[in-house]
Amino acid sequence: MSIRDDRFLTLHFCQAVLLALAFLPVWQVSAREAAPVAVSVFGDGDPSNGIEDDRRPLFGETGRGITPAELRINAGTIFCDGKLRGSAVALDTRSYAPGLKGVVLSTAAHVIYDLDEKTLFTQCEFHYLALDQLSRYRAAIDMGRARLGGFDPARATSEPAFGRGDWAFLYVPAAWSGFDPGGNLEARDFSLTADAGFHRGGVRMRLVAFDGAAGAISISPHCTARLSRADDLGGGIWPGQLLDDCDSEQAASGGAIIAVSGDRQYLVGIRLGTHWSPRAYPQARYPHGPPPGSVWDRRLHTNFGRAFDRDLLSALRKYCRDVEQGLNPPL
């Protein structure tokens, strides 16, 4: 399956699958224009917010501005039908369902779909820190208890509100070896990052996701994230659409957009994909979209994600309680 396949020319998904494995389609939906090409590796090209492609491996990294708490984050990759599909992170569910056994993950819905067949994968695993070669760090996902937003792969390319429902919560009944619940992230409403209390701690934005070039979970420590407005590529067409400039690579879909305040860190968004303007990057000249190193500009080229807001937090609370009570959450 080639990334130039005509089936993908109307799509603009996120960095979804590792280069040598399988390509998930990539699409963009903009309020005014759509780029009919596949996504490139994103890099903001702006030295004022960190070295270009300033991604650092989460496993084995020391110093260089990464805190001990960040090193403990329970992040990893999603494998379905034996292939890498995207990224995920474990959530702190104690305030929602203190008696819940197992682990709840957040990711993008499109990560767990077979986008050729338009069906949900039936067999998926979480690989802690992308340590695929070590069986003790693999954990089976109960796909019968997956909870998804309104994502529909059969009609997503024509939906003006694409992205709003591209989220998923997954349940891992038995955690991986050495699981430390202290590395789970608390989800928090992104809008609260504007609170004075947050800023007193010096808010810093991060992306934790798989880095296809390095073959590891990485952290992008110098980021900006903001809600989409009418004057940018996202067009502000749905509440909770985040735009960010976090450097990332293939398979970052489903990764964690994190806000750090003082010594606390919160999951505030789920990475989905990339928007770009076909006027600035015409397909004839840029058949694969903006080249690596293209400058971040919310009107020309930007990543996007699904922010945690009141609706998504409510869905997470209900999901955790359903799983805790042994209910089977409807798909």
Protein backbone atom coordinates (compact mmCIF):
# COMPACT_ATOMS: atom_id res chain seq x y z
CA MET A 1 0.00 0.00 0.00
CA SER A 2 1.64 3.22 -1.12
CA ILE A 3 1.23 6.57 0.57
CA ARG A 4 0.63 7.93 -2.92
CA ASP A 5 -2.32 5.58 -3.42
CA ASP A 6 -5.27 7.50 -4.91
CA ARG A 7 -7.41 6.35 -1.99
CA PHE A 8 -5.43 8.68 0.24
CA LEU A 9 -5.49 11.78 -1.92
CA THR A 10 -8.60 13.10 -0.21
CA LEU A 11 -7.36 12.25 3.26
CA HIS A 12 -5.19 14.08 5.75
CA PHE A 13 -4.72 12.00 8.87
CA CYS A 14 -1.99 12.29 11.47
CA GLN A 15 1.42 10.70 11.77
CA ALA A 16 -0.12 7.30 12.28
CA VAL A 17 2.11 4.40 11.40
CA LEU A 18 5.81 3.70 11.30
CA LEU A 19 7.45 4.08 7.87
CA ALA A 20 8.41 0.48 7.23
CA LEU A 21 5.26 -1.04 8.66
CA ALA A 22 1.87 0.14 7.46
CA PHE A 23 0.70 3.62 6.49
CA LEU A 24 -2.51 4.88 8.00
CA PRO A 25 -4.13 7.57 5.90
CA VAL A 26 -3.69 11.19 6.83
CA TRP A 27 -6.21 13.94 6.30
CA GLN A 28 -6.91 17.57 6.88
CA VAL A 29 -10.25 19.26 7.28
CA SER A 30 -10.03 23.03 7.32
CA ALA A 31 -12.79 25.59 7.63
CA ARG A 32 -11.84 27.02 4.26
CA GLU A 33 -9.54 24.64 2.38
CA ALA A 34 -8.25 21.07 2.43
CA ALA A 35 -4.87 19.78 1.33
CA PRO A 36 -5.25 16.58 -0.78
CA VAL A 37 -1.88 15.14 0.26
CA ALA A 38 -0.39 13.00 3.01
CA VAL A 39 1.27 14.42 6.10
CA SER A 40 5.00 15.10 6.41
CA VAL A 41 7.18 14.93 9.49
CA PHE A 42 6.41 18.09 11.42
CA GLY A 43 9.10 20.35 12.78
CA ASP A 44 8.51 23.95 13.72
CA GLY A 45 11.81 25.34 12.41
CA ASP A 46 11.78 28.08 15.03
CA PRO A 47 14.87 28.21 17.31
CA SER A 48 13.08 30.57 19.69
CA ASN A 49 11.09 27.68 21.18
CA GLY A 50 13.81 25.03 21.19
CA ILE A 51 16.15 23.23 18.87
CA GLU A 52 14.47 22.03 15.70
CA ASP A 53 13.07 18.50 16.15
CA ASP A 54 13.95 18.76 19.83
CA ARG A 55 12.65 15.31 20.73
CA ARG A 56 14.29 13.35 23.52
CA PRO A 57 13.82 9.66 24.31
CA LEU A 58 11.77 9.11 27.45
CA PHE A 59 13.50 5.83 28.26
CA GLY A 60 17.00 6.15 29.69
CA GLU A 61 17.11 9.94 29.35
CA THR A 62 18.70 11.94 32.16
CA GLY A 63 18.92 15.67 32.74
CA ARG A 64 18.52 18.04 29.78
CA GLY A 65 15.44 19.66 31.28
CA ILE A 66 13.34 16.50 31.65
CA THR A 67 11.98 16.10 35.16
CA PRO A 68 11.89 12.84 37.16
CA ALA A 69 8.08 12.92 36.95
CA GLU A 70 8.22 13.09 33.16
CA LEU A 71 10.56 10.10 33.05
CA ARG A 72 7.94 8.05 34.90
CA ILE A 73 5.06 8.73 32.49
CA ASN A 74 3.28 5.52 31.49
CA ALA A 75 3.35 6.09 27.75
CA GLY A 76 3.63 3.56 24.97
CA THR A 77 2.43 2.35 21.60
CA ILE A 78 -0.69 0.62 20.34
CA PHE A 79 -0.23 -2.52 18.25
CA CYS A 80 -3.26 -3.96 16.45
CA ASP A 81 -3.14 -7.06 14.25
CA GLY A 82 0.60 -7.18 14.84
CA LYS A 83 1.42 -3.71 13.49
CA LEU A 84 2.22 -0.40 15.11
CA ARG A 85 -0.79 1.92 14.89
CA GLY A 86 -0.04 4.90 17.12
CA SER A 87 0.65 6.18 20.64
CA ALA A 88 -1.21 6.09 23.95
CA VAL A 89 -0.82 7.11 27.58
CA ALA A 90 -2.17 5.71 30.87
CA LEU A 91 -4.63 7.81 32.89
CA ASP A 92 -4.99 8.40 36.61
CA THR A 93 -8.55 7.20 37.31
CA ARG A 94 -8.55 7.26 41.12
CA SER A 95 -10.84 10.28 41.42
CA TYR A 96 -13.37 8.72 39.00
CA ALA A 97 -13.34 5.06 40.00
CA PRO A 98 -11.12 4.33 43.01
CA GLY A 99 -11.90 0.61 42.89
CA LEU A 100 -11.07 0.16 39.23
CA LYS A 101 -8.64 -2.64 38.50
CA GLY A 102 -6.37 -2.51 35.47
CA VAL A 103 -5.34 0.54 33.46
CA VAL A 104 -7.25 3.04 31.30
CA LEU A 105 -5.49 4.44 28.22
CA SER A 106 -6.26 7.46 26.07
CA THR A 107 -5.49 7.57 22.35
CA ALA A 108 -6.97 8.70 19.03
CA ALA A 109 -9.89 6.65 17.71
CA HIS A 110 -8.40 6.28 14.24
CA VAL A 111 -5.42 4.43 15.77
CA ILE A 112 -7.58 1.39 16.57
CA TYR A 113 -9.43 1.26 13.23
CA ASP A 114 -8.63 -0.75 10.14
CA LEU A 115 -9.12 2.17 7.79
CA ASP A 116 -9.24 -0.03 4.67
CA GLU A 117 -12.04 -2.20 6.01
CA LYS A 118 -13.62 0.64 8.04
CA THR A 119 -13.84 -1.65 11.05
CA LEU A 120 -12.49 -1.63 14.57
CA PHE A 121 -9.51 -3.88 15.22
CA THR A 122 -10.38 -6.82 17.45
CA GLN A 123 -6.91 -7.62 18.83
CA CYS A 124 -4.73 -4.80 20.19
CA GLU A 125 -1.91 -4.52 22.71
CA PHE A 126 -0.27 -1.70 24.63
CA HIS A 127 3.54 -1.77 24.55
CA TYR A 128 4.95 0.19 27.45
CA LEU A 129 7.62 2.68 26.27
CA ALA A 130 7.51 0.97 22.86
CA LEU A 131 9.58 -1.91 24.26
CA ASP A 132 8.09 -4.28 21.70
CA GLN A 133 10.89 -6.82 21.96
CA LEU A 134 10.20 -7.46 25.66
CA SER A 135 7.06 -9.53 26.18
CA ARG A 136 6.74 -8.57 29.86
CA TYR A 137 6.09 -4.97 28.81
CA ARG A 138 3.16 -5.89 26.56
CA ALA A 139 -0.40 -5.78 27.85
CA ALA A 140 -3.56 -6.95 26.10
CA ILE A 141 -6.32 -4.37 25.53
CA ASP A 142 -9.92 -5.43 26.12
CA MET A 143 -11.37 -4.17 22.83
CA GLY A 144 -14.85 -5.16 23.95
CA ARG A 145 -14.65 -2.34 26.49
CA ALA A 146 -13.34 0.38 24.20
CA ARG A 147 -15.13 3.73 24.41
CA LEU A 148 -14.88 5.96 21.35
CA GLY A 149 -16.05 9.40 20.34
CA GLY A 150 -18.15 10.02 17.27
CA PHE A 151 -15.41 8.96 14.87
CA ASP A 152 -16.73 7.26 11.72
CA PRO A 153 -14.03 6.16 9.25
CA ALA A 154 -16.62 5.70 6.52
CA ARG A 155 -17.61 9.36 6.42
CA ALA A 156 -14.91 11.26 8.31
CA THR A 157 -13.40 12.87 5.20
CA SER A 158 -16.62 14.77 4.48
CA GLU A 159 -17.40 15.79 8.05
CA PRO A 160 -16.78 19.50 8.72
CA ALA A 161 -16.27 18.71 12.42
CA PHE A 162 -13.62 16.02 11.86
CA GLY A 163 -11.45 15.53 14.92
CA ARG A 164 -13.98 16.30 17.62
CA GLY A 165 -14.88 12.62 17.98
CA ASP A 166 -11.43 11.22 17.19
CA TRP A 167 -10.68 10.02 20.71
CA ALA A 168 -10.75 6.67 22.48
CA PHE A 169 -10.47 5.28 25.99
CA LEU A 170 -9.18 1.72 26.25
CA TYR A 171 -9.03 -0.76 29.11
CA VAL A 172 -6.05 -2.97 29.97
CA PRO A 173 -7.26 -5.58 32.51
CA ALA A 174 -3.76 -6.74 33.55
CA ALA A 175 -0.93 -4.21 33.56
CA TRP A 176 2.58 -4.80 32.26
CA SER A 177 5.54 -5.88 34.37
CA GLY A 178 6.72 -3.29 36.89
CA PHE A 179 3.66 -1.08 36.40
CA ASP A 180 3.86 2.05 38.57
CA PRO A 181 0.51 3.87 38.91
CA GLY A 182 2.47 6.97 39.90
CA GLY A 183 3.27 7.41 36.21
CA ASN A 184 -0.39 7.73 35.19
CA LEU A 185 -1.49 11.20 34.09
CA GLU A 186 -4.43 13.13 35.51
CA ALA A 187 -6.67 14.51 32.75
CA ARG A 188 -7.55 18.18 33.13
CA ASP A 189 -9.61 20.71 31.19
CA PHE A 190 -7.24 22.51 28.81
CA SER A 191 -8.95 25.85 29.46
CA LEU A 192 -7.72 25.72 33.06
CA THR A 193 -4.15 26.13 31.85
CA ALA A 194 -4.97 29.82 31.54
CA ASP A 195 -5.70 30.08 35.28
CA ALA A 196 -3.45 32.32 37.33
CA GLY A 197 -2.61 29.41 39.62
CA PHE A 198 -1.29 27.42 36.70
CA HIS A 199 0.84 30.29 35.50
CA ARG A 200 2.34 30.87 38.93
CA GLY A 201 3.89 27.46 38.47
CA GLY A 202 5.25 28.43 35.06
CA VAL A 203 3.18 26.51 32.52
CA ARG A 204 5.17 24.40 30.08
CA MET A 205 3.66 22.33 27.29
CA ARG A 206 4.94 18.90 26.26
CA LEU A 207 4.14 16.18 23.75
CA VAL A 208 4.83 12.57 24.73
CA ALA A 209 4.46 10.21 21.77
CA PHE A 210 6.22 7.63 19.64
CA ASP A 211 9.14 8.89 17.55
CA GLY A 212 9.24 6.88 14.32
CA ALA A 213 12.77 7.98 13.45
CA ALA A 214 14.24 6.93 16.82
CA GLY A 215 11.94 3.94 17.35
CA ALA A 216 11.19 5.08 20.90
CA ILE A 217 8.74 7.07 23.01
CA SER A 218 9.99 10.63 23.03
CA ILE A 219 9.16 13.89 24.72
CA SER A 220 9.05 17.24 22.91
CA PRO A 221 9.72 19.68 25.74
CA HIS A 222 9.41 23.06 24.03
CA CYS A 223 5.83 23.46 22.82
CA THR A 224 3.03 25.92 22.34
CA ALA A 225 -0.61 24.83 22.34
CA ARG A 226 -3.72 26.98 21.88
CA LEU A 227 -7.35 26.53 21.02
CA SER A 228 -8.23 27.01 17.35
CA ARG A 229 -9.92 30.26 16.29
CA ALA A 230 -11.71 31.46 13.18
CA ASP A 231 -8.56 33.02 11.72
CA ASP A 232 -6.38 29.88 11.68
CA LEU A 233 -6.31 26.63 9.71
CA GLY A 234 -8.57 24.88 12.20
CA GLY A 235 -11.11 27.63 11.72
CA GLY A 236 -12.44 27.18 15.25
CA ILE A 237 -15.10 24.93 13.73
CA TRP A 238 -15.44 22.72 16.79
CA PRO A 239 -14.86 23.35 20.50
CA GLY A 240 -11.78 21.71 21.89
CA GLN A 241 -9.64 21.78 18.76
CA LEU A 242 -6.03 22.36 19.82
CA LEU A 243 -3.25 23.65 17.60
CA ASP A 244 0.33 22.91 18.65
CA ASP A 245 3.91 23.21 17.42
CA CYS A 246 5.36 20.19 19.24
CA ASP A 247 7.99 18.45 17.12
CA SER A 248 6.89 14.92 16.29
CA GLU A 249 7.39 11.96 14.00
CA GLN A 250 5.47 9.05 12.50
CA ALA A 251 3.07 7.25 14.87
CA ALA A 252 2.56 10.31 17.12
CA SER A 253 -1.21 9.89 16.65
CA GLY A 254 -2.84 9.39 20.04
CA GLY A 255 0.10 10.95 21.87
CA ALA A 256 -0.29 12.99 25.05
CA ILE A 257 -0.32 16.79 25.03
CA ILE A 258 0.74 17.64 28.57
CA ALA A 259 0.70 20.83 30.63
CA VAL A 260 3.34 21.05 33.36
CA SER A 261 2.88 23.52 36.21
CA GLY A 262 5.53 23.49 38.91
CA ASP A 263 5.98 19.84 39.84
CA ARG A 264 2.53 18.77 38.57
CA GLN A 265 1.71 17.53 35.09
CA TYR A 266 -1.66 17.02 33.47
CA LEU A 267 -2.96 15.44 30.30
CA VAL A 268 -4.77 18.26 28.46
CA GLY A 269 -5.03 16.94 24.90
CA ILE A 270 -4.70 14.04 22.47
CA ARG A 271 -2.59 14.51 19.33
CA LEU A 272 -4.54 13.83 16.13
CA GLY A 273 -2.72 15.16 13.08
CA THR A 274 -1.60 18.12 11.01
CA HIS A 275 -3.25 20.92 9.05
CA TRP A 276 -1.57 22.84 6.24
CA SER A 277 -2.60 25.27 3.55
CA PRO A 278 -2.48 23.90 -0.03
CA ARG A 279 -2.02 27.47 -1.21
CA ALA A 280 1.23 27.76 0.73
CA TYR A 281 2.23 24.15 -0.01
CA PRO A 282 0.70 23.20 -3.40
CA GLN A 283 0.62 19.50 -4.16
CA ALA A 284 2.56 19.86 -7.42
CA ARG A 285 5.56 21.25 -5.54
CA TYR A 286 5.05 19.49 -2.20
CA PRO A 287 3.53 16.08 -3.02
CA HIS A 288 4.05 14.93 0.58
CA GLY A 289 3.06 18.17 2.25
CA PRO A 290 5.32 20.69 4.01
CA PRO A 291 8.90 19.40 4.21
CA PRO A 292 10.52 18.67 7.59
CA GLY A 293 11.63 21.90 9.21
CA SER A 294 8.79 24.00 7.83
CA VAL A 295 8.00 26.85 10.19
CA TRP A 296 4.98 26.49 12.44
CA ASP A 297 2.30 28.98 11.50
CA ARG A 298 -1.29 28.48 12.67
CA ARG A 299 -2.52 29.93 9.36
CA LEU A 300 -0.22 27.84 7.13
CA HIS A 301 1.08 24.72 8.88
CA THR A 302 0.20 23.39 12.31
CA ASN A 303 -0.41 20.20 14.26
CA PHE A 304 -3.79 19.70 15.85
CA GLY A 305 -5.38 17.63 18.59
CA ARG A 306 -8.45 17.05 20.74
CA ALA A 307 -8.36 19.04 23.97
CA PHE A 308 -9.76 17.65 27.18
CA ASP A 309 -12.78 19.77 27.99
CA ARG A 310 -15.95 19.36 30.06
CA ASP A 311 -17.51 16.94 27.57
CA LEU A 312 -14.46 14.71 27.22
CA LEU A 313 -13.82 14.65 30.97
CA SER A 314 -17.46 13.69 31.52
CA ALA A 315 -17.10 10.84 29.03
CA LEU A 316 -13.94 9.67 30.82
CA ARG A 317 -15.64 9.69 34.23
CA LYS A 318 -18.58 7.66 32.94
CA TYR A 319 -16.29 5.23 31.17
CA CYS A 320 -14.24 4.57 34.29
CA ARG A 321 -17.34 4.01 36.40
CA ASP A 322 -18.81 1.65 33.81
CA VAL A 323 -15.64 -0.43 33.71
CA GLU A 324 -15.38 -0.41 37.51
CA GLN A 325 -18.96 -1.68 37.80
CA GLY A 326 -18.38 -4.38 35.21
CA LEU A 327 -20.62 -2.79 32.62
CA ASN A 328 -19.91 -3.20 28.94
CA PRO A 329 -19.53 0.34 27.52
CA PRO A 330 -21.31 0.68 24.16
CA LEU A 331 -19.17 1.42 21.12
